[in-house]
Every structure is written in C-alpha cells, then in structure tokens.
Amino acid sequence: MPSPDVAPDGGGFEAFIAWDNLLGACRCAARGKHDTTAVAGYEYALGQRLLALQRDLARGAWRPGPYVHFDVHEPKRRLISAAPFADRVVHHALCQVIEPRFEPHYIADSYANRVGKGTHRAVDRLQQLCTRYRHVLRMDVRRHFPSIDHGVLLAALWRRIPEPGLRRVIELVVASGDGVGGADAPLFAGDDLLALCRPRGLPIGNLTSQFWSNVYKDALDHFVRRTLGCAPYLRYVDDFCLFHDDKAQLAACRERIVAFLATRLRLRVHEAAAQALPTAAGVPG
C-alpha cells in the first residue's frame, strides 16, 4: 500500500519511492543473504520498515547510515565498504528507476555491471579482437573508485536526472563515499590548492558505485570511439583495451587518452605499463 505522505516530485521520484519499487529493491538486496542477522531483522517487520523508509524518502528526511569497512585480497588488497541493509534497499530502488535512462547510451563493448555482459563476455570479445589486430594497448585507471570526483560524476548524472527529489537522494549517497579508500588527492594542470579539498571517492561494495562507474567513464568510451575513431575497443570497470595494426597509432591514442582522463575526468592511469604490444604475446594482466 502506498504511503499517504508521498509528495509529488515528478514521475521519476514517485516511481522511486513507490511501494512496488521499494519491495522489489528489498528482494534484490536480500538475495542470497536471508540468513544474515541484518536481513532477517529487516524482513521480520518488512511492511513497517518499508513504510517508514518510504515516508523518510518522501519527506526528504532519509540519511545514509555508517559503513562497515573491511579488507579483501582478490588478489590485491581492496577496502570494501558495506552499507547498512536499509541503505542497500535505497541503492537498488534508485538503480531500478534511473539505470534505464543511461543503458541505451552505453557502447556495446562496455562490459562491467550490465545485464547480458560481464567478465566472460569481455574475455570472449578480447580474444576475438586479438585474432583480428596485430597490436593491443591495455590501460587501467589508478585507484579508480577512490579517485572518482563527485563534481564530475554529478554533472554526468544530472544530464539525465532532472527531478529534484532524485537528485537530493543521489547527492546523499554520493557524498557518503567522500574520502573512502584514502587515495592521495592528485593535482591536475590548472588546479590550485583548493582542489585538494574536492569531494572524491566511491565505496566499493555499493551497487550504486558500480552504476556510477559506468556513467563516469561513458565519456571515455565515446571519446575513444568517436574522437579517436578507434572502434576495436572494450572496457571492463577501470581496465580498457584498444586494438590496431599500427603500433604508432596506438601510441598516439595513448597520449590523447591520458590527457582526456586528466582534463575531463580527473583520473590518472598507470602510464609505465600502458604500452602497445603484439597481440601474439597475449594481453598483459
């Protein structure tokens, strides 16, 4: 049943806080976790909890809770930040409403966290391109999630999200990751010392962070395809590969990508490892 306190704020926000959307989000967030204390406790009084969440969202009273941080090694160390279960319901509810606005605009060869894509399809496509081209340029972003600039991210999101209510919730979720990961704040050309205070960082562990990542680097994907004219290109999260028969052409692309990432997305790559190599030798890991 819908809450009588829902205030109109455009179809997108109303769809976000709709009972069916919140209930579906709860089921998605709980999938495979029903035996955990947090999920079992939430589901014990599910109706009451979802109604309270719906009212808080409608009134603008919802705030993210504190994260629980822990390290994993897969194989390198990563800091995982787990949000409270109620917040994960909000994350799923958000993505269910706004992700369809962005999905049609992604390139086909963006493989991370998308329905019908994933690691195995990315590897299959990688192997396919290796058989067609003589050289490959593999690049990866340094400290990707901790380095995401909140101002750049929100500007990209606002292009397809005009509703004030949705923007308010998104700003809270994004701001909750400020400083997570502890990456050194880089300075780029034209920055002053105030740039060190720019909010940055996304918690690895949030569903929204995976979604924000694709929105953030969609500009890179289209830059490579349209501006550089490099159709044989694919990306998985912060790793991406370009293919060409001409090694010098890939070297030129490398310099332009480094500049684009710095000026447009405030990101850096591992430049020493970003070298065009023969595909016959395999793609460096």
C-alpha atoms as a PDB file:
ATOM      1  CA  MET A   1       0.000   0.000   0.000  1.00  0.00           C
ATOM      2  CA  PRO A   2       1.310   3.493  -0.812  1.00  0.00           C
ATOM      3  CA  SER A   3       2.110   5.961   1.916  1.00  0.00           C
ATOM      4  CA  PRO A   4      -0.298   8.937   2.274  1.00  0.00           C
ATOM      5  CA  ASP A   5       2.744  11.155   2.863  1.00  0.00           C
ATOM      6  CA  VAL A   6       4.214  10.799  -0.621  1.00  0.00           C
ATOM      7  CA  ALA A   7       4.723  14.249  -2.088  1.00  0.00           C
ATOM      8  CA  PRO A   8       4.673  14.673  -5.898  1.00  0.00           C
ATOM      9  CA  ASP A   9       8.084  15.498  -7.347  1.00  0.00           C
ATOM     10  CA  GLY A  10       7.953  14.251 -10.916  1.00  0.00           C
ATOM     11  CA  GLY A  11       7.324  10.753 -12.233  1.00  0.00           C
ATOM     12  CA  GLY A  12      10.860   9.571 -11.603  1.00  0.00           C
ATOM     13  CA  PHE A  13      10.828  10.330  -7.895  1.00  0.00           C
ATOM     14  CA  GLU A  14       7.344   8.940  -7.429  1.00  0.00           C
ATOM     15  CA  ALA A  15       8.407   5.753  -9.199  1.00  0.00           C
ATOM     16  CA  PHE A  16      11.500   5.568  -6.979  1.00  0.00           C
ATOM     17  CA  ILE A  17       9.555   5.685  -3.696  1.00  0.00           C
ATOM     18  CA  ALA A  18       6.616   3.618  -4.966  1.00  0.00           C
ATOM     19  CA  TRP A  19       5.798   0.624  -2.770  1.00  0.00           C
ATOM     20  CA  ASP A  20       6.364  -1.927  -5.544  1.00  0.00           C
ATOM     21  CA  ASN A  21       9.756  -0.434  -6.377  1.00  0.00           C
ATOM     22  CA  LEU A  22      10.920  -0.462  -2.752  1.00  0.00           C
ATOM     23  CA  LEU A  23       9.636  -4.001  -2.218  1.00  0.00           C
ATOM     24  CA  GLY A  24      11.400  -5.216  -5.366  1.00  0.00           C
ATOM     25  CA  ALA A  25      14.575  -3.418  -4.283  1.00  0.00           C
ATOM     26  CA  CYS A  26      14.408  -5.117  -0.887  1.00  0.00           C
ATOM     27  CA  ARG A  27      14.115  -8.525  -2.519  1.00  0.00           C
ATOM     28  CA  CYS A  28      17.104  -7.816  -4.754  1.00  0.00           C
ATOM     29  CA  ALA A  29      19.216  -6.520  -1.864  1.00  0.00           C
ATOM     30  CA  ALA A  30      18.348  -9.581   0.219  1.00  0.00           C
ATOM     31  CA  ARG A  31      19.028 -12.159  -2.485  1.00  0.00           C
ATOM     32  CA  GLY A  32      21.365 -14.813  -1.126  1.00  0.00           C
ATOM     33  CA  LYS A  33      21.563 -13.085   2.284  1.00  0.00           C
ATOM     34  CA  HIS A  34      18.331 -14.132   4.018  1.00  0.00           C
ATOM     35  CA  ASP A  35      20.213 -15.986   6.735  1.00  0.00           C
ATOM     36  CA  THR A  36      22.188 -12.920   7.868  1.00  0.00           C
ATOM     37  CA  THR A  37      21.165 -11.095  11.022  1.00  0.00           C
ATOM     38  CA  ALA A  38      20.731  -7.732   9.300  1.00  0.00           C
ATOM     39  CA  VAL A  39      18.488  -9.053   6.541  1.00  0.00           C
ATOM     40  CA  ALA A  40      16.459 -11.351   8.805  1.00  0.00           C
ATOM     41  CA  GLY A  41      15.857  -8.486  11.220  1.00  0.00           C
ATOM     42  CA  TYR A  42      14.709  -6.176   8.442  1.00  0.00           C
ATOM     43  CA  GLU A  43      12.403  -8.771   6.893  1.00  0.00           C
ATOM     44  CA  TYR A  44      10.851  -9.622  10.274  1.00  0.00           C
ATOM     45  CA  ALA A  45       8.993  -6.290  10.208  1.00  0.00           C
ATOM     46  CA  LEU A  46       9.226  -5.718   6.461  1.00  0.00           C
ATOM     47  CA  GLY A  47       5.996  -3.796   5.957  1.00  0.00           C
ATOM     48  CA  GLN A  48       6.643  -1.366   8.787  1.00  0.00           C
ATOM     49  CA  ARG A  49      10.267  -0.817   7.761  1.00  0.00           C
ATOM     50  CA  LEU A  50       9.460  -0.154   4.111  1.00  0.00           C
ATOM     51  CA  LEU A  51       6.633   2.236   5.022  1.00  0.00           C
ATOM     52  CA  ALA A  52       8.990   4.136   7.334  1.00  0.00           C
ATOM     53  CA  LEU A  53      11.642   4.228   4.608  1.00  0.00           C
ATOM     54  CA  GLN A  54       9.079   5.444   2.086  1.00  0.00           C
ATOM     55  CA  ARG A  55       7.942   8.250   4.407  1.00  0.00           C
ATOM     56  CA  ASP A  56      11.523   9.335   5.135  1.00  0.00           C
ATOM     57  CA  LEU A  57      12.365   9.445   1.438  1.00  0.00           C
ATOM     58  CA  ALA A  58       9.189  11.362   0.583  1.00  0.00           C
ATOM     59  CA  ARG A  59       9.813  13.953   3.318  1.00  0.00           C
ATOM     60  CA  GLY A  60      13.486  14.360   2.496  1.00  0.00           C
ATOM     61  CA  ALA A  61      14.387  13.004   5.932  1.00  0.00           C
ATOM     62  CA  TRP A  62      16.350   9.920   4.805  1.00  0.00           C
ATOM     63  CA  ARG A  63      20.088   9.916   5.511  1.00  0.00           C
ATOM     64  CA  PRO A  64      22.659   7.178   4.790  1.00  0.00           C
ATOM     65  CA  GLY A  65      23.903   5.157   7.732  1.00  0.00           C
ATOM     66  CA  PRO A  66      27.534   4.395   8.615  1.00  0.00           C
ATOM     67  CA  TYR A  67      29.606   1.944   6.581  1.00  0.00           C
ATOM     68  CA  VAL A  68      31.363  -1.134   7.897  1.00  0.00           C
ATOM     69  CA  HIS A  69      34.849  -1.356   6.350  1.00  0.00           C
ATOM     70  CA  PHE A  70      36.923  -4.487   5.789  1.00  0.00           C
ATOM     71  CA  ASP A  71      39.756  -5.633   3.523  1.00  0.00           C
ATOM     72  CA  VAL A  72      39.672  -8.369   0.902  1.00  0.00           C
ATOM     73  CA  HIS A  73      42.546  -9.728  -1.171  1.00  0.00           C
ATOM     74  CA  GLU A  74      41.451 -10.764  -4.709  1.00  0.00           C
ATOM     75  CA  PRO A  75      44.426 -10.919  -5.395  1.00  0.00           C
ATOM     76  CA  LYS A  76      45.368  -7.362  -4.444  1.00  0.00           C
ATOM     77  CA  ARG A  77      44.145  -5.619  -1.306  1.00  0.00           C
ATOM     78  CA  ARG A  78      40.868  -3.730  -1.619  1.00  0.00           C
ATOM     79  CA  LEU A  79      38.873  -1.876   1.005  1.00  0.00           C
ATOM     80  CA  ILE A  80      35.216  -2.925   0.913  1.00  0.00           C
ATOM     81  CA  SER A  81      32.660  -0.596   2.490  1.00  0.00           C
ATOM     82  CA  ALA A  82      29.360  -2.273   3.369  1.00  0.00           C
ATOM     83  CA  ALA A  83      26.333  -0.032   3.807  1.00  0.00           C
ATOM     84  CA  PRO A  84      23.506  -0.861   6.234  1.00  0.00           C
ATOM     85  CA  PHE A  85      20.874  -3.115   4.696  1.00  0.00           C
ATOM     86  CA  ALA A  86      18.237  -0.359   4.627  1.00  0.00           C
ATOM     87  CA  ASP A  87      20.617   1.782   2.582  1.00  0.00           C
ATOM     88  CA  ARG A  88      21.173  -1.087   0.163  1.00  0.00           C
ATOM     89  CA  VAL A  89      17.420  -1.138  -0.416  1.00  0.00           C
ATOM     90  CA  VAL A  90      17.627   2.549  -1.366  1.00  0.00           C
ATOM     91  CA  HIS A  91      20.556   1.846  -3.706  1.00  0.00           C
ATOM     92  CA  HIS A  92      18.639  -0.873  -5.541  1.00  0.00           C
ATOM     93  CA  ALA A  93      15.498   1.258  -5.719  1.00  0.00           C
ATOM     94  CA  LEU A  94      17.492   4.125  -7.232  1.00  0.00           C
ATOM     95  CA  CYS A  95      19.177   1.962  -9.852  1.00  0.00           C
ATOM     96  CA  GLN A  96      15.895   0.323 -10.858  1.00  0.00           C
ATOM     97  CA  VAL A  97      14.495   3.741 -11.776  1.00  0.00           C
ATOM     98  CA  ILE A  98      17.462   5.621 -13.258  1.00  0.00           C
ATOM     99  CA  GLU A  99      19.620   2.929 -14.866  1.00  0.00           C
ATOM    100  CA  PRO A 100      17.256   2.510 -17.872  1.00  0.00           C
ATOM    101  CA  ARG A 101      17.855   6.171 -18.718  1.00  0.00           C
ATOM    102  CA  PHE A 102      21.591   5.555 -19.221  1.00  0.00           C
ATOM    103  CA  GLU A 103      21.790   1.995 -20.514  1.00  0.00           C
ATOM    104  CA  PRO A 104      20.771   2.736 -24.147  1.00  0.00           C
ATOM    105  CA  HIS A 105      23.589   5.281 -24.456  1.00  0.00           C
ATOM    106  CA  TYR A 106      26.457   2.974 -23.460  1.00  0.00           C
ATOM    107  CA  ILE A 107      28.657   1.431 -26.130  1.00  0.00           C
ATOM    108  CA  ALA A 108      28.159  -2.285 -26.744  1.00  0.00           C
ATOM    109  CA  ASP A 109      31.731  -3.068 -25.641  1.00  0.00           C
ATOM    110  CA  SER A 110      31.325  -1.762 -22.086  1.00  0.00           C
ATOM    111  CA  TYR A 111      31.069  -4.991 -20.089  1.00  0.00           C
ATOM    112  CA  ALA A 112      31.003  -4.246 -16.363  1.00  0.00           C
ATOM    113  CA  ASN A 113      27.853  -4.499 -14.248  1.00  0.00           C
ATOM    114  CA  ARG A 114      25.417  -4.672 -17.136  1.00  0.00           C
ATOM    115  CA  VAL A 115      22.728  -7.239 -17.877  1.00  0.00           C
ATOM    116  CA  GLY A 116      23.912  -9.674 -20.536  1.00  0.00           C
ATOM    117  CA  LYS A 117      27.556  -8.563 -20.245  1.00  0.00           C
ATOM    118  CA  GLY A 118      30.103  -9.468 -17.550  1.00  0.00           C
ATOM    119  CA  THR A 119      33.602 -10.914 -17.291  1.00  0.00           C
ATOM    120  CA  HIS A 120      33.199 -13.954 -19.541  1.00  0.00           C
ATOM    121  CA  ARG A 121      31.767 -11.957 -22.440  1.00  0.00           C
ATOM    122  CA  ALA A 122      34.506  -9.365 -22.035  1.00  0.00           C
ATOM    123  CA  VAL A 123      37.170 -12.103 -22.251  1.00  0.00           C
ATOM    124  CA  ASP A 124      35.490 -13.631 -25.313  1.00  0.00           C
ATOM    125  CA  ARG A 125      35.455 -10.237 -27.048  1.00  0.00           C
ATOM    126  CA  LEU A 126      39.066  -9.617 -26.038  1.00  0.00           C
ATOM    127  CA  GLN A 127      40.188 -12.899 -27.573  1.00  0.00           C
ATOM    128  CA  GLN A 128      38.189 -12.163 -30.700  1.00  0.00           C
ATOM    129  CA  LEU A 129      39.884  -8.791 -31.194  1.00  0.00           C
ATOM    130  CA  CYS A 130      43.303 -10.310 -30.508  1.00  0.00           C
ATOM    131  CA  THR A 131      42.848 -12.541 -33.555  1.00  0.00           C
ATOM    132  CA  ARG A 132      41.955  -9.576 -35.788  1.00  0.00           C
ATOM    133  CA  TYR A 133      44.632  -6.997 -34.915  1.00  0.00           C
ATOM    134  CA  ARG A 134      48.392  -7.066 -34.565  1.00  0.00           C
ATOM    135  CA  HIS A 135      48.783  -4.796 -31.533  1.00  0.00           C
ATOM    136  CA  VAL A 136      46.916  -4.058 -28.310  1.00  0.00           C
ATOM    137  CA  LEU A 137      47.164  -1.161 -25.871  1.00  0.00           C
ATOM    138  CA  ARG A 138      45.922  -2.040 -22.394  1.00  0.00           C
ATOM    139  CA  MET A 139      45.403   0.775 -19.884  1.00  0.00           C
ATOM    140  CA  ASP A 140      43.978   0.894 -16.380  1.00  0.00           C
ATOM    141  CA  VAL A 141      42.971   3.739 -14.073  1.00  0.00           C
ATOM    142  CA  ARG A 142      44.974   4.281 -10.904  1.00  0.00           C
ATOM    143  CA  ARG A 143      42.930   3.908  -7.694  1.00  0.00           C
ATOM    144  CA  HIS A 144      39.736   4.130  -9.691  1.00  0.00           C
ATOM    145  CA  PHE A 145      36.934   4.139  -7.097  1.00  0.00           C
ATOM    146  CA  PRO A 146      38.759   6.291  -4.508  1.00  0.00           C
ATOM    147  CA  SER A 147      39.587   8.821  -7.251  1.00  0.00           C
ATOM    148  CA  ILE A 148      36.088   9.438  -8.672  1.00  0.00           C
ATOM    149  CA  ASP A 149      35.445  13.184  -8.478  1.00  0.00           C
ATOM    150  CA  HIS A 150      31.992  13.929  -7.095  1.00  0.00           C
ATOM    151  CA  GLY A 151      31.527  17.137  -9.067  1.00  0.00           C
ATOM    152  CA  VAL A 152      32.321  15.437 -12.365  1.00  0.00           C
ATOM    153  CA  LEU A 153      30.095  12.469 -11.500  1.00  0.00           C
ATOM    154  CA  LEU A 154      27.076  14.559 -10.504  1.00  0.00           C
ATOM    155  CA  ALA A 155      27.352  16.662 -13.664  1.00  0.00           C
ATOM    156  CA  ALA A 156      27.188  13.464 -15.730  1.00  0.00           C
ATOM    157  CA  LEU A 157      24.214  12.149 -13.743  1.00  0.00           C
ATOM    158  CA  TRP A 158      22.246  15.394 -13.920  1.00  0.00           C
ATOM    159  CA  ARG A 159      22.180  15.254 -17.735  1.00  0.00           C
ATOM    160  CA  ARG A 160      19.506  12.559 -17.471  1.00  0.00           C
ATOM    161  CA  ILE A 161      18.124  13.151 -13.967  1.00  0.00           C
ATOM    162  CA  PRO A 162      16.239  16.468 -13.674  1.00  0.00           C
ATOM    163  CA  GLU A 163      13.998  15.564 -10.709  1.00  0.00           C
ATOM    164  CA  PRO A 164      14.935  17.452  -7.509  1.00  0.00           C
ATOM    165  CA  GLY A 165      13.863  14.575  -5.271  1.00  0.00           C
ATOM    166  CA  LEU A 166      16.047  12.046  -7.064  1.00  0.00           C
ATOM    167  CA  ARG A 167      18.948  14.484  -7.093  1.00  0.00           C
ATOM    168  CA  ARG A 168      18.659  15.024  -3.345  1.00  0.00           C
ATOM    169  CA  VAL A 169      18.924  11.294  -2.606  1.00  0.00           C
ATOM    170  CA  ILE A 170      21.729  10.778  -5.125  1.00  0.00           C
ATOM    171  CA  GLU A 171      23.746  13.621  -3.614  1.00  0.00           C
ATOM    172  CA  LEU A 172      23.456  11.987  -0.188  1.00  0.00           C
ATOM    173  CA  VAL A 173      24.561   8.584  -1.488  1.00  0.00           C
ATOM    174  CA  VAL A 174      27.491  10.049  -3.427  1.00  0.00           C
ATOM    175  CA  ALA A 175      28.593  12.262  -0.522  1.00  0.00           C
ATOM    176  CA  SER A 176      28.613   9.260   1.822  1.00  0.00           C
ATOM    177  CA  GLY A 177      31.688   7.968  -0.026  1.00  0.00           C
ATOM    178  CA  ASP A 178      33.796  11.108   0.359  1.00  0.00           C
ATOM    179  CA  GLY A 179      37.353  10.095   1.254  1.00  0.00           C
ATOM    180  CA  VAL A 180      36.639   6.343   1.271  1.00  0.00           C
ATOM    181  CA  GLY A 181      39.772   4.498   0.207  1.00  0.00           C
ATOM    182  CA  GLY A 182      42.162   7.230   1.274  1.00  0.00           C
ATOM    183  CA  ALA A 183      43.813   7.830  -2.094  1.00  0.00           C
ATOM    184  CA  ASP A 184      46.216  10.774  -2.265  1.00  0.00           C
ATOM    185  CA  ALA A 185      44.423  13.714  -3.861  1.00  0.00           C
ATOM    186  CA  PRO A 186      46.086  14.384  -7.226  1.00  0.00           C
ATOM    187  CA  LEU A 187      46.566  17.863  -8.661  1.00  0.00           C
ATOM    188  CA  PHE A 188      45.991  18.431 -12.362  1.00  0.00           C
ATOM    189  CA  ALA A 189      47.001  21.270 -14.685  1.00  0.00           C
ATOM    190  CA  GLY A 190      45.268  24.489 -13.672  1.00  0.00           C
ATOM    191  CA  ASP A 191      44.416  23.329 -10.132  1.00  0.00           C
ATOM    192  CA  ASP A 192      45.029  25.422  -7.062  1.00  0.00           C
ATOM    193  CA  LEU A 193      45.393  24.066  -3.537  1.00  0.00           C
ATOM    194  CA  LEU A 194      41.610  24.142  -3.046  1.00  0.00           C
ATOM    195  CA  ALA A 195      41.417  21.243  -5.488  1.00  0.00           C
ATOM    196  CA  LEU A 196      42.836  19.044  -2.719  1.00  0.00           C
ATOM    197  CA  CYS A 197      39.530  19.534  -0.900  1.00  0.00           C
ATOM    198  CA  ARG A 198      37.317  18.398  -3.785  1.00  0.00           C
ATOM    199  CA  PRO A 199      34.977  15.588  -2.618  1.00  0.00           C
ATOM    200  CA  ARG A 200      36.016  12.273  -4.154  1.00  0.00           C
ATOM    201  CA  GLY A 201      35.701   8.550  -3.716  1.00  0.00           C
ATOM    202  CA  LEU A 202      33.068   5.833  -4.067  1.00  0.00           C
ATOM    203  CA  PRO A 203      32.659   2.911  -1.651  1.00  0.00           C
ATOM    204  CA  ILE A 204      33.476  -0.434  -3.247  1.00  0.00           C
ATOM    205  CA  GLY A 205      30.522  -2.547  -2.200  1.00  0.00           C
ATOM    206  CA  ASN A 206      27.644  -0.236  -3.102  1.00  0.00           C
ATOM    207  CA  LEU A 207      25.517  -1.233  -6.072  1.00  0.00           C
ATOM    208  CA  THR A 208      25.318   2.459  -6.891  1.00  0.00           C
ATOM    209  CA  SER A 209      29.118   2.706  -7.098  1.00  0.00           C
ATOM    210  CA  GLN A 210      29.166   0.115  -9.874  1.00  0.00           C
ATOM    211  CA  PHE A 211      26.496   2.083 -11.707  1.00  0.00           C
ATOM    212  CA  TRP A 212      28.166   5.466 -11.096  1.00  0.00           C
ATOM    213  CA  SER A 213      31.396   3.995 -12.520  1.00  0.00           C
ATOM    214  CA  ASN A 214      29.778   3.232 -15.867  1.00  0.00           C
ATOM    215  CA  VAL A 215      28.171   6.671 -16.034  1.00  0.00           C
ATOM    216  CA  TYR A 216      31.500   8.307 -15.165  1.00  0.00           C
ATOM    217  CA  LYS A 217      33.558   6.565 -17.820  1.00  0.00           C
ATOM    218  CA  ASP A 218      30.938   6.572 -20.544  1.00  0.00           C
ATOM    219  CA  ALA A 219      32.572   9.808 -21.700  1.00  0.00           C
ATOM    220  CA  LEU A 220      35.870   7.946 -22.133  1.00  0.00           C
ATOM    221  CA  ASP A 221      34.185   5.206 -24.160  1.00  0.00           C
ATOM    222  CA  HIS A 222      32.665   7.697 -26.579  1.00  0.00           C
ATOM    223  CA  PHE A 223      35.890   9.708 -26.770  1.00  0.00           C
ATOM    224  CA  VAL A 224      37.812   6.618 -27.883  1.00  0.00           C
ATOM    225  CA  ARG A 225      35.141   5.536 -30.350  1.00  0.00           C
ATOM    226  CA  ARG A 226      34.113   8.890 -31.822  1.00  0.00           C
ATOM    227  CA  THR A 227      37.006  11.309 -31.379  1.00  0.00           C
ATOM    228  CA  LEU A 228      39.904   8.875 -31.722  1.00  0.00           C
ATOM    229  CA  GLY A 229      37.970   6.735 -34.199  1.00  0.00           C
ATOM    230  CA  CYS A 230      39.092   3.505 -32.545  1.00  0.00           C
ATOM    231  CA  ALA A 231      36.210   1.053 -32.941  1.00  0.00           C
ATOM    232  CA  PRO A 232      38.147  -2.030 -31.714  1.00  0.00           C
ATOM    233  CA  TYR A 233      37.977  -1.024 -28.046  1.00  0.00           C
ATOM    234  CA  LEU A 234      36.483  -2.557 -24.911  1.00  0.00           C
ATOM    235  CA  ARG A 235      36.280  -1.655 -21.238  1.00  0.00           C
ATOM    236  CA  TYR A 236      35.633  -3.557 -18.010  1.00  0.00           C
ATOM    237  CA  VAL A 237      35.364  -1.205 -14.979  1.00  0.00           C
ATOM    238  CA  ASP A 238      38.774   0.553 -14.863  1.00  0.00           C
ATOM    239  CA  ASP A 239      40.577  -1.634 -17.434  1.00  0.00           C
ATOM    240  CA  PHE A 240      40.313  -0.951 -21.137  1.00  0.00           C
ATOM    241  CA  CYS A 241      41.994  -2.095 -24.344  1.00  0.00           C
ATOM    242  CA  LEU A 242      42.465  -0.575 -27.786  1.00  0.00           C
ATOM    243  CA  PHE A 243      43.478  -2.613 -30.838  1.00  0.00           C
ATOM    244  CA  HIS A 244      45.185  -1.606 -34.098  1.00  0.00           C
ATOM    245  CA  ASP A 245      47.562  -2.996 -36.667  1.00  0.00           C
ATOM    246  CA  ASP A 246      49.743   0.132 -36.369  1.00  0.00           C
ATOM    247  CA  LYS A 247      51.681   0.319 -33.087  1.00  0.00           C
ATOM    248  CA  ALA A 248      52.448   4.008 -33.607  1.00  0.00           C
ATOM    249  CA  GLN A 249      48.734   4.757 -33.922  1.00  0.00           C
ATOM    250  CA  LEU A 250      48.095   3.176 -30.536  1.00  0.00           C
ATOM    251  CA  ALA A 251      50.941   5.178 -29.006  1.00  0.00           C
ATOM    252  CA  ALA A 252      49.307   8.381 -30.266  1.00  0.00           C
ATOM    253  CA  CYS A 253      45.956   7.279 -28.842  1.00  0.00           C
ATOM    254  CA  ARG A 254      47.625   6.634 -25.508  1.00  0.00           C
ATOM    255  CA  GLU A 255      48.806  10.225 -25.166  1.00  0.00           C
ATOM    256  CA  ARG A 256      45.390  11.636 -26.034  1.00  0.00           C
ATOM    257  CA  ILE A 257      43.633   9.320 -23.590  1.00  0.00           C
ATOM    258  CA  VAL A 258      45.972  10.290 -20.754  1.00  0.00           C
ATOM    259  CA  ALA A 259      45.220  13.957 -21.457  1.00  0.00           C
ATOM    260  CA  PHE A 260      41.467  13.348 -21.750  1.00  0.00           C
ATOM    261  CA  LEU A 261      41.272  11.453 -18.467  1.00  0.00           C
ATOM    262  CA  ALA A 262      43.202  14.180 -16.663  1.00  0.00           C
ATOM    263  CA  THR A 263      41.317  17.172 -18.064  1.00  0.00           C
ATOM    264  CA  ARG A 264      37.787  15.779 -18.287  1.00  0.00           C
ATOM    265  CA  LEU A 265      37.559  13.079 -15.629  1.00  0.00           C
ATOM    266  CA  ARG A 266      40.379  13.946 -13.211  1.00  0.00           C
ATOM    267  CA  LEU A 267      41.778  10.434 -13.436  1.00  0.00           C
ATOM    268  CA  ARG A 268      45.268   9.022 -13.932  1.00  0.00           C
ATOM    269  CA  VAL A 269      46.433   5.764 -15.467  1.00  0.00           C
ATOM    270  CA  HIS A 270      49.440   3.535 -14.818  1.00  0.00           C
ATOM    271  CA  GLU A 271      51.400   5.102 -17.656  1.00  0.00           C
ATOM    272  CA  ALA A 272      54.530   2.961 -17.370  1.00  0.00           C
ATOM    273  CA  ALA A 273      52.505  -0.186 -18.026  1.00  0.00           C
ATOM    274  CA  ALA A 274      50.448   1.349 -20.845  1.00  0.00           C
ATOM    275  CA  GLN A 275      52.476   0.224 -23.866  1.00  0.00           C
ATOM    276  CA  ALA A 276      51.307  -1.100 -27.227  1.00  0.00           C
ATOM    277  CA  LEU A 277      52.304  -4.754 -27.513  1.00  0.00           C
ATOM    278  CA  PRO A 278      51.859  -7.522 -30.117  1.00  0.00           C
ATOM    279  CA  THR A 279      48.599  -9.415 -29.606  1.00  0.00           C
ATOM    280  CA  ALA A 280      50.536 -12.614 -30.367  1.00  0.00           C
ATOM    281  CA  ALA A 281      52.193 -12.216 -26.963  1.00  0.00           C
ATOM    282  CA  GLY A 282      48.826 -12.017 -25.188  1.00  0.00           C
ATOM    283  CA  VAL A 283      47.220  -9.157 -23.301  1.00  0.00           C
ATOM    284  CA  PRO A 284      49.204  -8.141 -20.180  1.00  0.00           C
ATOM    285  CA  GLY A 285      47.338  -8.729 -16.905  1.00  0.00           C
END
